[in-house]
Amino acid sequence: MLGTVISSLITKVTSFLDLCLAAVSQMMTLCRTIIAVGIDRMTLIVQYTKSQCVVLKLSIEPCLAQLINQVLLMKLGLMNVLHKVGQVGQQVLIIARQIRQRVLNLLKQGR
């Protein structure tokens, strides 16, 4: 009778152990799948982010080149304006001297 109980108990423990091993195997397979899918997703996210950075860089470079050109044109324009202002200032100075000279000449003549 004791042999039958021990044999039955061994059978039940062996069945339970087999069920536990099967559950652990399933969980390990599930974990490997989750990790593999996670790595794939992260790889896709990194690739997408990298491509978006490249697109952003390619769209910024022409804008930067245009800004540099505009700054150079503004600098050239300012230099041109300063030159013209200098010329006009010289002309105003000459005209003011001429007016002063004429006024002095008229005062000398008594008019």
Protein backbone atom coordinates (compact mmCIF):
# COMPACT_ATOMS: atom_id res chain seq x y z
CA MET A 1 0.00 0.00 0.00
CA LEU A 2 2.84 2.42 0.90
CA GLY A 3 4.55 1.60 -2.39
CA THR A 4 1.39 2.53 -4.31
CA VAL A 5 1.09 5.87 -2.48
CA ILE A 6 4.75 6.69 -3.08
CA SER A 7 4.44 5.65 -6.73
CA SER A 8 1.34 7.82 -7.12
CA LEU A 9 3.05 10.71 -5.36
CA ILE A 10 6.13 10.38 -7.59
CA THR A 11 3.89 10.37 -10.68
CA LYS A 12 2.07 13.52 -9.50
CA VAL A 13 5.34 15.30 -8.61
CA THR A 14 6.82 14.31 -11.99
CA SER A 15 3.70 15.61 -13.78
CA PHE A 16 3.83 18.85 -11.79
CA LEU A 17 7.56 19.22 -12.54
CA ASP A 18 6.91 18.64 -16.27
CA LEU A 19 4.15 21.28 -16.19
CA CYS A 20 6.49 23.73 -14.42
CA LEU A 21 9.27 23.10 -16.94
CA ALA A 22 6.82 23.61 -19.82
CA ALA A 23 5.58 26.88 -18.28
CA VAL A 24 9.16 28.09 -17.73
CA SER A 25 10.03 27.17 -21.33
CA GLN A 26 6.99 29.08 -22.61
CA MET A 27 7.88 32.10 -20.48
CA MET A 28 11.49 32.05 -21.72
CA THR A 29 10.29 31.86 -25.33
CA LEU A 30 7.88 34.76 -24.66
CA CYS A 31 10.66 36.82 -23.06
CA ARG A 32 12.98 36.17 -26.01
CA THR A 33 10.22 37.22 -28.41
CA ILE A 34 9.51 40.39 -26.42
CA ILE A 35 13.21 41.27 -26.31
CA ALA A 36 13.64 40.60 -30.05
CA VAL A 37 10.59 42.72 -30.93
CA GLY A 38 11.82 45.48 -28.60
CA ILE A 39 15.24 45.50 -30.23
CA ASP A 40 13.65 45.61 -33.70
CA ARG A 41 11.40 48.50 -32.66
CA MET A 42 14.28 50.43 -31.14
CA THR A 43 16.32 49.87 -34.30
CA LEU A 44 13.45 51.22 -36.41
CA ILE A 45 13.03 54.23 -34.11
CA VAL A 46 16.74 55.04 -34.28
CA GLN A 47 16.78 54.69 -38.08
CA TYR A 48 13.71 56.94 -38.41
CA THR A 49 15.18 59.53 -36.05
CA LYS A 50 18.46 59.49 -37.96
CA SER A 51 16.69 59.95 -41.30
CA GLN A 52 14.67 62.86 -39.89
CA CYS A 53 17.87 64.49 -38.63
CA VAL A 54 19.39 64.13 -42.11
CA VAL A 55 16.29 65.69 -43.69
CA LEU A 56 16.39 68.53 -41.16
CA LYS A 57 20.08 69.15 -41.82
CA LEU A 58 19.51 69.17 -45.57
CA SER A 59 16.68 71.70 -45.20
CA ILE A 60 18.68 73.94 -42.84
CA GLU A 61 21.81 74.15 -45.01
CA PRO A 62 20.17 76.06 -47.91
CA CYS A 63 18.51 78.44 -45.44
CA LEU A 64 21.84 79.05 -43.77
CA ALA A 65 23.49 79.71 -47.14
CA GLN A 66 20.71 82.19 -48.02
CA LEU A 67 21.11 83.96 -44.69
CA ILE A 68 24.85 84.27 -45.21
CA ASN A 69 24.27 85.69 -48.71
CA GLN A 70 21.70 88.15 -47.36
CA VAL A 71 24.07 89.31 -44.63
CA LEU A 72 26.82 89.85 -47.19
CA LEU A 73 24.44 91.78 -49.44
CA MET A 74 23.29 93.91 -46.49
CA LYS A 75 26.91 94.65 -45.59
CA LEU A 76 27.64 95.64 -49.18
CA GLY A 77 24.50 97.80 -49.23
CA LEU A 78 25.51 99.53 -46.01
CA MET A 79 28.98 100.20 -47.37
CA ASN A 80 27.39 101.69 -50.51
CA VAL A 81 25.05 103.84 -48.41
CA LEU A 82 27.94 105.06 -46.26
CA HIS A 83 29.90 105.95 -49.38
CA LYS A 84 26.93 107.86 -50.83
CA VAL A 85 26.30 109.62 -47.51
CA GLY A 86 29.94 110.63 -47.45
CA GLN A 87 29.68 112.00 -50.99
CA VAL A 88 26.47 113.90 -50.19
CA GLY A 89 28.05 115.23 -47.01
CA GLN A 90 31.03 116.52 -48.98
CA GLN A 91 28.69 118.17 -51.49
CA VAL A 92 26.68 119.79 -48.67
CA LEU A 93 29.89 121.05 -47.12
CA ILE A 94 31.05 122.53 -50.45
CA ILE A 95 27.64 124.15 -51.01
CA ALA A 96 27.64 125.58 -47.46
CA ARG A 97 31.12 127.06 -48.02
CA GLN A 98 30.02 128.49 -51.35
CA ILE A 99 26.92 130.05 -49.75
CA ARG A 100 29.03 131.50 -46.96
CA GLN A 101 31.52 132.87 -49.48
CA ARG A 102 28.75 134.49 -51.55
CA VAL A 103 27.16 135.97 -48.44
CA LEU A 104 30.50 137.40 -47.40
CA ASN A 105 31.05 138.78 -50.91
CA LEU A 106 27.60 140.37 -50.90
CA LEU A 107 28.24 141.88 -47.47
CA LYS A 108 31.53 143.32 -48.71
CA GLN A 109 29.75 144.86 -51.70
CA GLY A 110 27.22 146.40 -49.35
CA ARG A 111 24.13 144.67 -50.51
